[in-house]
Amino acid sequence: SNAGLQALARLKGVAFPDPTRTDDSSERLSRLTGIEFDHEFVREAVDDHLKNIAAFEKEDQSATADSDIKGFAHSALPKMHAHLDQAKALKL
């Protein structure tokens, strides 16, 4: 969960990104409507999940990873894979 990740980041002294900051993706999506928005939103959701899963798997498989971070990554992966499957099912 995001709350769990934020708590772990605070515990480890890592700055968590500001969730209110907009990025290029948000700007791009805000200019789209209808089916164009839907396609781009789903594409980004799938891409983001793939990137995040790769990062979490790297931590989970790392021999040198912090044990708390490794444990968090390991426990989050099943839900992340389920979310990826849901995002893929939305492809139009």
Protein backbone atom coordinates (compact mmCIF):
# COMPACT_ATOMS: atom_id res chain seq x y z
CA SER A 1 0.00 0.00 0.00
CA ASN A 2 1.05 3.58 -0.53
CA ALA A 3 0.72 4.29 3.20
CA GLY A 4 2.99 1.35 3.99
CA LEU A 5 5.55 2.50 1.45
CA GLN A 6 5.46 6.05 2.84
CA ALA A 7 5.96 4.75 6.39
CA LEU A 8 8.91 2.60 5.28
CA ALA A 9 10.43 5.54 3.42
CA ARG A 10 10.17 7.73 6.54
CA LEU A 11 11.70 4.95 8.68
CA LYS A 12 14.63 4.68 6.26
CA GLY A 13 15.05 8.46 5.91
CA VAL A 14 14.08 8.49 2.24
CA ALA A 15 12.13 11.43 0.83
CA PHE A 16 8.82 10.38 -0.69
CA PRO A 17 7.80 12.26 -3.88
CA ASP A 18 5.13 14.95 -3.56
CA PRO A 19 1.88 13.34 -4.80
CA THR A 20 0.38 16.72 -5.70
CA ARG A 21 3.06 17.47 -8.30
CA THR A 22 1.92 17.00 -11.86
CA ASP A 23 4.07 15.35 -14.47
CA ASP A 24 4.18 15.24 -18.26
CA SER A 25 1.79 12.30 -18.26
CA SER A 26 -0.87 14.22 -16.35
CA GLU A 27 -0.48 17.19 -18.66
CA ARG A 28 -0.76 14.98 -21.75
CA LEU A 29 -3.81 13.12 -20.43
CA SER A 30 -5.56 16.36 -19.53
CA ARG A 31 -5.56 17.34 -23.23
CA LEU A 32 -7.20 14.09 -24.38
CA THR A 33 -10.85 13.13 -24.41
CA GLY A 34 -13.01 10.13 -25.15
CA ILE A 35 -11.47 7.02 -26.62
CA GLU A 36 -8.07 8.74 -27.06
CA PHE A 37 -7.96 9.38 -23.30
CA ASP A 38 -9.05 5.82 -22.56
CA HIS A 39 -6.36 4.27 -24.77
CA GLU A 40 -3.57 6.47 -23.41
CA PHE A 41 -4.66 6.01 -19.80
CA VAL A 42 -4.64 2.21 -20.12
CA ARG A 43 -1.33 2.22 -22.00
CA GLU A 44 0.29 4.31 -19.26
CA ALA A 45 -1.23 2.17 -16.51
CA VAL A 46 0.24 -0.99 -18.05
CA ASP A 47 3.64 0.65 -18.68
CA ASP A 48 3.79 2.06 -15.14
CA HIS A 49 2.91 -1.28 -13.59
CA LEU A 50 5.58 -3.05 -15.66
CA LYS A 51 8.23 -0.52 -14.56
CA ASN A 52 7.21 -0.71 -10.91
CA ILE A 53 7.09 -4.50 -10.90
CA ALA A 54 10.59 -4.63 -12.41
CA ALA A 55 11.92 -2.33 -9.68
CA PHE A 56 10.22 -4.31 -6.90
CA GLU A 57 11.43 -7.63 -8.34
CA LYS A 58 14.97 -6.25 -8.45
CA GLU A 59 14.78 -5.42 -4.73
CA ASP A 60 13.11 -8.73 -3.91
CA GLN A 61 15.88 -10.68 -5.66
CA SER A 62 18.77 -8.55 -4.44
CA ALA A 63 21.21 -10.22 -2.08
CA THR A 64 22.29 -6.83 -0.72
CA ALA A 65 18.87 -5.19 -0.30
CA ASP A 66 17.81 -3.84 3.07
CA SER A 67 15.71 -6.60 4.69
CA ASP A 68 12.76 -4.27 5.42
CA ILE A 69 12.70 -2.99 1.85
CA LYS A 70 13.14 -6.49 0.45
CA GLY A 71 10.27 -7.74 2.61
CA PHE A 72 8.00 -4.89 1.54
CA ALA A 73 8.81 -5.50 -2.13
CA HIS A 74 8.18 -9.24 -1.76
CA SER A 75 4.82 -8.75 -0.05
CA ALA A 76 3.65 -6.12 -2.57
CA LEU A 77 4.45 -8.07 -5.74
CA PRO A 78 1.37 -10.34 -5.83
CA LYS A 79 -0.98 -7.37 -5.62
CA MET A 80 1.07 -5.47 -8.20
CA HIS A 81 0.82 -8.41 -10.62
CA ALA A 82 -2.94 -8.58 -10.02
CA HIS A 83 -3.26 -4.86 -10.77
CA LEU A 84 -1.22 -5.30 -13.95
CA ASP A 85 -3.55 -8.09 -15.06
CA GLN A 86 -6.54 -5.82 -14.41
CA ALA A 87 -4.95 -2.99 -16.39
CA LYS A 88 -4.19 -5.33 -19.29
CA ALA A 89 -7.81 -6.53 -19.26
CA LEU A 90 -8.89 -2.93 -19.89
CA LYS A 91 -7.07 -2.70 -23.22
CA LEU A 92 -9.55 -1.46 -25.73
